[in-house]
Amino acid sequence: MAGLVAISSPAVRAAAADPAAAQVDGFDAALLSAMKAGKAAGVQARYRTLAPAVARAFDIPTMIRFAVGPAPWSAIPAGQQQALTEAFQRLTVASYAHNFDGYSGERFVVDPNVLTRGPDKVVQSRIIPPGAAPVVIAYRMRQSGEAWKIIDVLYNGSISQLTTRRADFSATLAHGGAPALIAHLNALADKELK
């Protein structure tokens, strides 16, 4: 689904100048590696390839807190918060391993013009398939320790992954609490890993 611009490309050098863009560049490179391994490697091998890349690039604890919502999150015991975080990370990796399962000459191009919005940065990456229109993915990022990390993914530049997930998560939480949401996230990950 994607390919990487050669490291000597001006866009890559410019993107690397901004640490948030460089983080997205690194994640795109991991996606490319998984894609090139393709179906022959299998979803489990792609999962193993992408797990460390997701851990480096994403702030999963912040993402699950946003997806659950501040009030419900604060009512969940710490042990269940940890289990939710782990299940959400597993689902995130599994989704990328499932969806980026083949390569046919696509490229990733990170826009060097990084937007600053309050404490966050927005980095746009385009997936350019041969002979087709690019797909824009915007990454909302926030500083976490020394690194810029992804805290939301916006498909086509505007559809927030976390906003979409919040509706699903809140219904599950309302019907069965954190244990039901943990089971739901793990079931979704299991489905992606088949």
Foldseek 3Di string as FASTA:
>chain_A
DAAEDPCPDPQNVLLVVDQLSVLVNQLQVLLRVLQACAPVCALVNNLVSNLVSQVSAAPLLLQLCLLQDVVLLVVDDPVLSVLLSVLLSLLVSLQSSLPSHHDDPKHKGKGSDWDDDPQWIKIWIWTGDPPDDIWIKIFIWHDDPPHIHGNWIATSVHRTPSVVSSVVQNVQCVVPNSVSSSVVSNVSSVVSRD
